[in-house]
Amino acid sequence: MFLAEATDGAASNGGGLLSIIMIVVFWIILFYFMIVRPQKKQQKQRDELHNAMEPGDNIMTTGGFFGTILDIVDDTTVIVEFGNNKNCRIPMHKNAIAEVEKAGSAVVKEESGDEE
């Protein structure tokens, strides 16, 4: 009698353990698809942005400053010129650049007027 009860108890514990393992695996998969995968996608986009930078491109920094890339020193550093006076040239880490507008990509709108 005690042997039968012990066997039934072991079988129910195995089912409980399996359900706990399934719940943990579910949370790990959910964590991956909600957090890790989007971060990898953003990092890939950021790397493509940094690799496509060239001298003459207009940039916006993470601090909100606008400037123009003068030179790319190495894989991590660029020289950026801020302002119109041409005297403010600052070496900057590429990770501090939030947006890049390629040189010559600005759209110029021509005003069409009725000239008589």
C-alpha atoms as a PDB file:
ATOM      1  CA  MET A   1       0.000   0.000   0.000  1.00  0.00           C
ATOM      2  CA  PHE A   2       2.772   2.439   0.903  1.00  0.00           C
ATOM      3  CA  LEU A   3       4.699   1.422  -2.208  1.00  0.00           C
ATOM      4  CA  ALA A   4       1.729   2.281  -4.474  1.00  0.00           C
ATOM      5  CA  GLU A   5       1.315   5.703  -2.854  1.00  0.00           C
ATOM      6  CA  ALA A   6       5.033   6.419  -3.212  1.00  0.00           C
ATOM      7  CA  THR A   7       4.931   5.536  -6.915  1.00  0.00           C
ATOM      8  CA  ASP A   8       1.893   7.775  -7.545  1.00  0.00           C
ATOM      9  CA  GLY A   9       3.610  10.657  -5.736  1.00  0.00           C
ATOM     10  CA  ALA A  10       6.769  10.291  -7.841  1.00  0.00           C
ATOM     11  CA  ALA A  11       4.746  10.320 -11.069  1.00  0.00           C
ATOM     12  CA  SER A  12       2.897  13.503 -10.095  1.00  0.00           C
ATOM     13  CA  ASN A  13       6.173  15.217  -9.112  1.00  0.00           C
ATOM     14  CA  GLY A  14       7.627  14.391 -12.523  1.00  0.00           C
ATOM     15  CA  GLY A  15       4.669  16.056 -14.221  1.00  0.00           C
ATOM     16  CA  GLY A  16       5.065  19.139 -12.032  1.00  0.00           C
ATOM     17  CA  LEU A  17       8.766  19.328 -12.832  1.00  0.00           C
ATOM     18  CA  LEU A  18       8.028  19.086 -16.550  1.00  0.00           C
ATOM     19  CA  SER A  19       5.503  21.915 -16.377  1.00  0.00           C
ATOM     20  CA  ILE A  20       7.975  24.120 -14.476  1.00  0.00           C
ATOM     21  CA  ILE A  21      10.656  23.446 -17.093  1.00  0.00           C
ATOM     22  CA  MET A  22       8.198  24.301 -19.878  1.00  0.00           C
ATOM     23  CA  ILE A  23       7.279  27.584 -18.166  1.00  0.00           C
ATOM     24  CA  VAL A  24      10.948  28.526 -17.744  1.00  0.00           C
ATOM     25  CA  VAL A  25      11.676  27.718 -21.409  1.00  0.00           C
ATOM     26  CA  PHE A  26       8.652  29.798 -22.456  1.00  0.00           C
ATOM     27  CA  TRP A  27       9.932  32.814 -20.475  1.00  0.00           C
ATOM     28  CA  ILE A  28      13.436  32.452 -21.924  1.00  0.00           C
ATOM     29  CA  ILE A  29      12.042  32.393 -25.468  1.00  0.00           C
ATOM     30  CA  LEU A  30       9.782  35.367 -24.718  1.00  0.00           C
ATOM     31  CA  PHE A  31      12.729  37.287 -23.229  1.00  0.00           C
ATOM     32  CA  TYR A  32      14.806  36.594 -26.351  1.00  0.00           C
ATOM     33  CA  PHE A  33      12.150  37.777 -28.810  1.00  0.00           C
ATOM     34  CA  MET A  34      11.123  40.826 -26.765  1.00  0.00           C
ATOM     35  CA  ILE A  35      14.534  42.140 -25.669  1.00  0.00           C
ATOM     36  CA  VAL A  36      17.616  40.496 -27.187  1.00  0.00           C
ATOM     37  CA  ARG A  37      16.522  40.289 -30.829  1.00  0.00           C
ATOM     38  CA  PRO A  38      15.396  43.944 -31.158  1.00  0.00           C
ATOM     39  CA  GLN A  39      18.652  45.121 -29.553  1.00  0.00           C
ATOM     40  CA  LYS A  40      20.680  43.120 -32.069  1.00  0.00           C
ATOM     41  CA  LYS A  41      18.638  44.648 -34.896  1.00  0.00           C
ATOM     42  CA  GLN A  42      19.243  48.193 -33.600  1.00  0.00           C
ATOM     43  CA  GLN A  43      22.969  47.488 -33.200  1.00  0.00           C
ATOM     44  CA  LYS A  44      23.150  46.241 -36.792  1.00  0.00           C
ATOM     45  CA  GLN A  45      21.425  49.425 -38.051  1.00  0.00           C
ATOM     46  CA  ARG A  46      23.787  51.591 -35.981  1.00  0.00           C
ATOM     47  CA  ASP A  47      26.833  49.760 -37.373  1.00  0.00           C
ATOM     48  CA  GLU A  48      25.580  50.236 -40.952  1.00  0.00           C
ATOM     49  CA  LEU A  49      25.053  53.952 -40.250  1.00  0.00           C
ATOM     50  CA  HIS A  50      28.577  54.346 -38.852  1.00  0.00           C
ATOM     51  CA  ASN A  51      30.185  52.418 -41.719  1.00  0.00           C
ATOM     52  CA  ALA A  52      28.398  54.561 -44.332  1.00  0.00           C
ATOM     53  CA  MET A  53      29.631  57.897 -42.919  1.00  0.00           C
ATOM     54  CA  GLU A  54      31.883  59.964 -45.175  1.00  0.00           C
ATOM     55  CA  PRO A  55      33.479  63.412 -44.954  1.00  0.00           C
ATOM     56  CA  GLY A  56      30.975  66.074 -45.935  1.00  0.00           C
ATOM     57  CA  ASP A  57      27.951  64.301 -44.413  1.00  0.00           C
ATOM     58  CA  ASN A  58      25.739  66.325 -42.095  1.00  0.00           C
ATOM     59  CA  ILE A  59      25.144  64.744 -38.703  1.00  0.00           C
ATOM     60  CA  MET A  60      23.146  65.194 -35.537  1.00  0.00           C
ATOM     61  CA  THR A  61      24.743  64.104 -32.279  1.00  0.00           C
ATOM     62  CA  THR A  62      22.985  62.355 -29.422  1.00  0.00           C
ATOM     63  CA  GLY A  63      23.123  65.696 -27.602  1.00  0.00           C
ATOM     64  CA  GLY A  64      21.173  67.411 -30.402  1.00  0.00           C
ATOM     65  CA  PHE A  65      24.043  69.341 -32.024  1.00  0.00           C
ATOM     66  CA  PHE A  66      24.224  69.572 -35.805  1.00  0.00           C
ATOM     67  CA  GLY A  67      27.526  69.465 -37.629  1.00  0.00           C
ATOM     68  CA  THR A  68      29.476  68.320 -40.676  1.00  0.00           C
ATOM     69  CA  ILE A  69      32.009  65.505 -40.782  1.00  0.00           C
ATOM     70  CA  LEU A  70      35.408  66.814 -41.872  1.00  0.00           C
ATOM     71  CA  ASP A  71      37.547  63.709 -41.472  1.00  0.00           C
ATOM     72  CA  ILE A  72      37.313  60.114 -40.307  1.00  0.00           C
ATOM     73  CA  VAL A  73      40.365  59.498 -38.129  1.00  0.00           C
ATOM     74  CA  ASP A  74      39.926  55.783 -37.407  1.00  0.00           C
ATOM     75  CA  ASP A  75      37.195  53.197 -36.795  1.00  0.00           C
ATOM     76  CA  THR A  76      35.868  55.030 -33.747  1.00  0.00           C
ATOM     77  CA  THR A  77      36.748  58.730 -34.138  1.00  0.00           C
ATOM     78  CA  VAL A  78      35.608  61.464 -36.528  1.00  0.00           C
ATOM     79  CA  ILE A  79      36.379  65.176 -36.714  1.00  0.00           C
ATOM     80  CA  VAL A  80      33.158  67.219 -36.750  1.00  0.00           C
ATOM     81  CA  GLU A  81      32.743  70.922 -37.506  1.00  0.00           C
ATOM     82  CA  PHE A  82      29.962  72.744 -35.680  1.00  0.00           C
ATOM     83  CA  GLY A  83      28.531  76.152 -36.535  1.00  0.00           C
ATOM     84  CA  ASN A  84      29.071  78.582 -39.348  1.00  0.00           C
ATOM     85  CA  ASN A  85      32.305  80.176 -38.176  1.00  0.00           C
ATOM     86  CA  LYS A  86      34.459  77.177 -39.203  1.00  0.00           C
ATOM     87  CA  ASN A  87      36.426  77.410 -35.956  1.00  0.00           C
ATOM     88  CA  CYS A  88      34.645  74.778 -33.912  1.00  0.00           C
ATOM     89  CA  ARG A  89      36.177  71.448 -34.891  1.00  0.00           C
ATOM     90  CA  ILE A  90      35.843  68.654 -32.389  1.00  0.00           C
ATOM     91  CA  PRO A  91      37.013  65.038 -32.431  1.00  0.00           C
ATOM     92  CA  MET A  92      34.034  62.856 -31.612  1.00  0.00           C
ATOM     93  CA  HIS A  93      33.351  59.172 -31.017  1.00  0.00           C
ATOM     94  CA  LYS A  94      31.144  57.593 -33.694  1.00  0.00           C
ATOM     95  CA  ASN A  95      28.759  56.250 -31.045  1.00  0.00           C
ATOM     96  CA  ALA A  96      27.784  59.857 -30.208  1.00  0.00           C
ATOM     97  CA  ILE A  97      26.310  60.323 -33.702  1.00  0.00           C
ATOM     98  CA  ALA A  98      22.560  59.703 -33.814  1.00  0.00           C
ATOM     99  CA  GLU A  99      21.623  60.628 -37.405  1.00  0.00           C
ATOM    100  CA  VAL A 100      23.458  61.061 -40.698  1.00  0.00           C
ATOM    101  CA  GLU A 101      22.307  62.944 -43.798  1.00  0.00           C
ATOM    102  CA  LYS A 102      24.434  62.184 -46.819  1.00  0.00           C
ATOM    103  CA  ALA A 103      26.062  65.125 -48.572  1.00  0.00           C
ATOM    104  CA  GLY A 104      24.001  66.297 -51.543  1.00  0.00           C
ATOM    105  CA  SER A 105      20.894  64.351 -50.534  1.00  0.00           C
ATOM    106  CA  ALA A 106      18.903  67.414 -49.492  1.00  0.00           C
ATOM    107  CA  VAL A 107      15.890  68.037 -51.672  1.00  0.00           C
ATOM    108  CA  VAL A 108      15.695  71.539 -53.102  1.00  0.00           C
ATOM    109  CA  LYS A 109      12.178  72.724 -53.881  1.00  0.00           C
ATOM    110  CA  GLU A 110      11.825  75.208 -56.682  1.00  0.00           C
ATOM    111  CA  GLU A 111       9.088  77.758 -56.300  1.00  0.00           C
ATOM    112  CA  SER A 112       6.867  77.752 -59.356  1.00  0.00           C
ATOM    113  CA  GLY A 113       5.296  81.128 -59.792  1.00  0.00           C
ATOM    114  CA  ASP A 114       3.288  82.707 -62.556  1.00  0.00           C
ATOM    115  CA  GLU A 115       5.764  85.067 -64.108  1.00  0.00           C
ATOM    116  CA  GLU A 116       4.173  87.311 -66.711  1.00  0.00           C
END
